[in-house]
N, C-alpha and C. Protein backbone atom coordinates (compact mmCIF):
# COMPACT_ATOMS: atom_id res chain seq x y z
N MET A 1 -7.23 4.09 -9.48
CA MET A 1 -6.20 4.88 -8.63
C MET A 1 -7.09 6.75 -9.37
N ASP A 2 -7.53 7.17 -9.16
CA ASP A 2 -7.88 8.66 -10.09
C ASP A 2 -6.78 9.14 -10.18
N THR A 3 -6.61 9.94 -11.17
CA THR A 3 -6.10 11.34 -12.05
C THR A 3 -6.11 12.15 -11.53
N ILE A 4 -5.42 13.21 -11.60
CA ILE A 4 -5.46 15.05 -11.38
C ILE A 4 -4.99 16.09 -12.80
N ALA A 5 -4.74 16.50 -12.97
CA ALA A 5 -4.36 17.36 -13.68
C ALA A 5 -3.58 18.36 -13.08
N LEU A 6 -1.95 19.12 -13.53
CA LEU A 6 -1.45 19.49 -12.04
C LEU A 6 -1.80 21.12 -11.69
N SER A 7 -2.55 21.54 -13.00
CA SER A 7 -3.18 22.96 -12.34
C SER A 7 -4.58 22.77 -11.91
N GLU A 8 -5.18 21.68 -11.52
CA GLU A 8 -6.05 21.22 -10.44
C GLU A 8 -5.08 21.54 -8.78
N LEU A 9 -4.29 20.51 -9.40
CA LEU A 9 -3.53 19.81 -7.75
C LEU A 9 -3.37 21.31 -7.16
N ARG A 10 -3.23 22.53 -7.74
CA ARG A 10 -2.44 23.75 -7.58
C ARG A 10 -3.88 24.42 -6.98
N THR A 11 -4.29 24.42 -7.89
CA THR A 11 -6.18 25.53 -7.08
C THR A 11 -6.96 23.90 -6.06
N ASN A 12 -6.49 23.01 -6.11
CA ASN A 12 -7.06 22.17 -4.58
C ASN A 12 -6.32 21.30 -3.40
N LEU A 13 -4.95 22.18 -3.91
CA LEU A 13 -3.69 21.45 -3.03
C LEU A 13 -4.02 21.41 -1.17
N PRO A 14 -4.73 22.28 -0.31
CA PRO A 14 -5.14 22.48 0.54
C PRO A 14 -5.92 20.58 0.66
N GLY A 15 -6.71 20.89 0.02
CA GLY A 15 -7.85 19.80 0.58
C GLY A 15 -7.81 18.60 0.00
N ILE A 16 -6.68 18.50 -0.91
CA ILE A 16 -6.12 16.94 -1.70
C ILE A 16 -5.54 16.59 -0.42
N ILE A 17 -4.92 17.70 -0.66
CA ILE A 17 -4.07 16.96 0.99
C ILE A 17 -4.12 16.11 2.35
N LYS A 18 -5.53 16.96 2.72
CA LYS A 18 -6.33 16.61 3.53
C LYS A 18 -6.50 15.48 3.21
N LYS A 19 -7.47 15.19 2.17
CA LYS A 19 -7.96 14.16 1.26
C LYS A 19 -7.34 13.19 1.19
N MET A 20 -5.83 12.52 0.71
CA MET A 20 -4.99 11.59 0.79
C MET A 20 -4.43 11.48 2.40
N ALA A 21 -4.51 12.04 3.10
CA ALA A 21 -3.65 12.04 4.78
C ALA A 21 -5.00 11.45 5.54
N ASP A 22 -5.98 11.50 4.91
CA ASP A 22 -7.21 10.98 6.06
C ASP A 22 -7.46 9.38 4.87
N GLY A 23 -7.02 9.32 4.13
CA GLY A 23 -7.10 7.92 3.85
C GLY A 23 -5.70 7.26 2.63
N LEU A 24 -6.48 6.21 2.89
CA LEU A 24 -5.38 5.32 1.48
C LEU A 24 -4.71 5.86 0.40
N ASP A 25 -5.33 6.19 -0.02
CA ASP A 25 -5.66 7.38 -2.28
C ASP A 25 -3.96 7.57 -2.33
N ARG A 26 -4.49 7.40 -3.37
CA ARG A 26 -3.12 7.07 -4.15
C ARG A 26 -3.66 8.34 -5.77
N LEU A 27 -3.36 8.96 -5.86
CA LEU A 27 -2.94 10.27 -7.06
C LEU A 27 -2.72 10.36 -7.71
N ILE A 28 -2.55 9.78 -9.54
CA ILE A 28 -1.59 10.24 -10.33
C ILE A 28 -1.43 11.90 -10.44
N VAL A 29 -0.44 12.67 -10.05
CA VAL A 29 -0.87 13.71 -10.96
C VAL A 29 -0.01 13.86 -13.50
N THR A 30 -0.86 15.07 -13.39
CA THR A 30 -0.87 14.99 -14.56
C THR A 30 -0.21 15.64 -15.77
N VAL A 31 -0.01 16.41 -16.24
CA VAL A 31 1.09 17.43 -17.19
C VAL A 31 0.65 17.20 -18.29
N SER A 32 -0.02 18.78 -18.80
CA SER A 32 -0.42 18.55 -20.03
C SER A 32 -1.06 17.14 -20.46
N GLY A 33 -2.14 16.53 -19.56
CA GLY A 33 -2.08 14.44 -19.67
C GLY A 33 -2.44 13.64 -20.12
N ARG A 34 -0.35 13.65 -19.25
CA ARG A 34 0.49 12.59 -19.33
C ARG A 34 0.66 12.65 -17.84
N PRO A 35 0.86 11.26 -17.97
CA PRO A 35 0.66 10.68 -16.22
C PRO A 35 2.31 10.84 -16.18
N LYS A 36 2.64 11.67 -14.51
CA LYS A 36 4.05 12.33 -14.63
C LYS A 36 4.08 11.69 -12.81
N VAL A 37 3.62 11.88 -11.43
CA VAL A 37 3.49 11.43 -10.90
C VAL A 37 3.25 10.95 -9.48
N VAL A 38 3.08 10.09 -9.01
CA VAL A 38 2.24 9.55 -8.21
C VAL A 38 2.11 10.12 -7.13
N MET A 39 1.26 10.79 -6.42
CA MET A 39 0.25 10.95 -4.70
C MET A 39 -0.13 9.74 -3.76
N LEU A 40 0.38 9.59 -2.85
CA LEU A 40 -0.04 8.95 -1.55
C LEU A 40 0.72 9.19 -0.18
N SER A 41 -0.34 9.58 0.80
CA SER A 41 -0.60 9.41 2.29
C SER A 41 0.89 8.71 2.15
N LEU A 42 1.02 9.39 3.92
CA LEU A 42 2.44 9.47 4.20
C LEU A 42 2.25 7.60 4.82
N GLU A 43 1.37 6.39 5.06
CA GLU A 43 0.82 6.05 5.95
C GLU A 43 0.82 4.29 4.47
N GLU A 44 0.05 5.30 3.48
CA GLU A 44 -0.23 4.31 2.61
C GLU A 44 1.80 4.36 1.87
N PHE A 45 2.83 5.13 2.25
CA PHE A 45 4.34 4.50 2.02
C PHE A 45 4.69 3.89 2.49
N GLU A 46 4.90 4.16 3.97
CA GLU A 46 5.17 3.55 4.71
C GLU A 46 5.45 2.08 4.47
N SER A 47 3.61 1.65 4.21
CA SER A 47 3.16 0.59 4.33
C SER A 47 3.71 -0.07 3.33
N LEU A 48 3.52 -0.01 2.26
CA LEU A 48 4.75 -0.25 1.41
C LEU A 48 6.10 -0.05 1.42
N GLU A 49 6.24 0.46 2.23
CA GLU A 49 8.41 0.36 2.10
C GLU A 49 8.61 -0.95 3.06
N GLU A 50 7.40 -0.92 4.50
CA GLU A 50 7.45 -1.63 5.06
C GLU A 50 7.04 -4.09 4.49
N THR A 51 6.55 -3.36 3.76
CA THR A 51 6.23 -4.61 2.93
C THR A 51 7.28 -4.83 1.44
N ALA A 52 7.79 -4.65 1.17
CA ALA A 52 9.05 -4.50 0.65
C ALA A 52 10.03 -4.49 0.83
N GLU A 53 10.75 -4.27 2.51
CA GLU A 53 11.11 -4.86 3.34
C GLU A 53 11.43 -6.34 2.96
N ILE A 54 10.00 -6.89 3.67
CA ILE A 54 9.61 -8.08 4.41
C ILE A 54 9.92 -8.41 3.64
N LEU A 55 9.76 -8.97 1.74
CA LEU A 55 10.16 -8.80 1.30
C LEU A 55 10.85 -9.35 0.22
N SER A 56 11.54 -7.73 0.77
CA SER A 56 13.09 -8.70 0.42
C SER A 56 13.25 -9.72 1.41
N ILE A 57 13.13 -9.94 2.70
CA ILE A 57 14.32 -11.05 3.02
C ILE A 57 13.70 -12.65 2.57
N PRO A 58 15.22 -12.92 2.13
CA PRO A 58 15.05 -14.23 1.12
C PRO A 58 14.50 -15.13 1.72
N GLY A 59 13.24 -15.72 1.19
CA GLY A 59 12.70 -16.72 1.58
C GLY A 59 10.70 -16.16 1.94
N ALA A 60 10.96 -15.18 1.55
CA ALA A 60 9.65 -14.35 2.09
C ALA A 60 8.41 -14.43 2.02
N LEU A 61 9.10 -14.38 0.94
CA LEU A 61 7.75 -14.85 -0.54
C LEU A 61 7.28 -16.11 -0.21
N GLU A 62 7.82 -17.13 -0.13
CA GLU A 62 8.10 -19.12 -0.42
C GLU A 62 7.04 -18.88 1.23
N ALA A 63 7.13 -18.45 1.63
CA ALA A 63 6.15 -18.83 3.10
C ALA A 63 5.40 -18.56 3.29
N ILE A 64 5.93 -17.39 2.79
CA ILE A 64 3.89 -17.03 2.80
C ILE A 64 3.19 -18.06 2.15
N LYS A 65 3.42 -17.70 0.80
CA LYS A 65 2.05 -18.93 -0.01
C LYS A 65 2.39 -20.20 0.50
N GLU A 66 3.65 -19.96 1.03
CA GLU A 66 3.54 -22.07 2.40
C GLU A 66 2.58 -21.58 3.17
N GLY A 67 2.37 -20.84 3.79
CA GLY A 67 1.50 -20.57 5.25
C GLY A 67 0.18 -20.17 4.82
N GLU A 68 0.40 -19.91 3.66
CA GLU A 68 -1.31 -19.56 3.00
C GLU A 68 -2.24 -20.29 2.39
N LYS A 69 -0.77 -21.38 1.32
CA LYS A 69 -1.33 -22.60 1.33
C LYS A 69 -1.89 -23.74 2.42
N GLU A 70 -0.97 -24.14 3.39
CA GLU A 70 -1.40 -24.75 4.59
C GLU A 70 -2.60 -24.14 4.84
N ALA A 71 -2.81 -23.02 5.21
CA ALA A 71 -4.25 -22.48 5.86
C ALA A 71 -5.65 -22.15 5.11
N ARG A 72 -5.35 -23.21 4.05
CA ARG A 72 -6.33 -22.91 3.15
C ARG A 72 -7.08 -24.46 3.49
N ALA A 73 -5.43 -25.29 3.43
CA ALA A 73 -5.69 -26.43 3.73
C ALA A 73 -6.77 -27.24 5.13
N GLY A 74 -6.28 -25.89 6.06
CA GLY A 74 -7.01 -26.39 6.93
C GLY A 74 -6.27 -26.65 8.17
N LYS A 75 -4.58 -26.73 7.92
CA LYS A 75 -3.54 -27.01 8.33
C LYS A 75 -3.25 -25.89 9.84
N LEU A 76 -3.89 -25.49 10.58
CA LEU A 76 -3.86 -24.57 11.42
C LEU A 76 -3.92 -24.62 13.08
N ILE A 77 -2.90 -24.07 13.50
CA ILE A 77 -2.79 -24.01 15.12
C ILE A 77 -3.56 -23.16 15.88
N PRO A 78 -4.84 -23.66 17.21
CA PRO A 78 -5.25 -22.58 17.07
C PRO A 78 -4.70 -21.81 19.14
N LEU A 79 -5.00 -20.45 18.93
CA LEU A 79 -4.18 -19.64 19.44
C LEU A 79 -4.07 -19.43 20.52
N ASN A 80 -5.10 -20.66 21.02
CA ASN A 80 -4.60 -20.99 22.54
C ASN A 80 -3.55 -22.22 22.39
N LYS A 81 -3.48 -22.97 22.14
CA LYS A 81 -2.28 -23.92 21.63
C LYS A 81 -0.90 -23.26 21.76
N ILE A 82 -0.63 -22.15 20.96
CA ILE A 82 0.76 -21.74 20.60
C ILE A 82 0.65 -21.65 22.01
N LYS A 83 2.16 -21.62 22.36
CA LYS A 83 3.39 -20.96 23.38
C LYS A 83 4.11 -19.69 23.66
N PHE A 84 3.63 -19.25 24.50
CA PHE A 84 4.72 -17.54 24.02
C PHE A 84 5.92 -17.21 24.81
């Protein structure tokens, strides 16, 4: 994660916002050399919120880990075999 001083952020704010909005960058803003704030794009923020929401479902993390384990073991179902 990149770090930027508050003074530099003030000077270059429009360009930094454009860069952040175009990607999934995170930026630590420092004040007097100390980390104070993290900036991230709206897309990155929404992604983090969605991940937290999914992981808050009881048993979700365990189910994800079990699915990964089954996939590594080759226990896969071809897409054409799944009925919708």
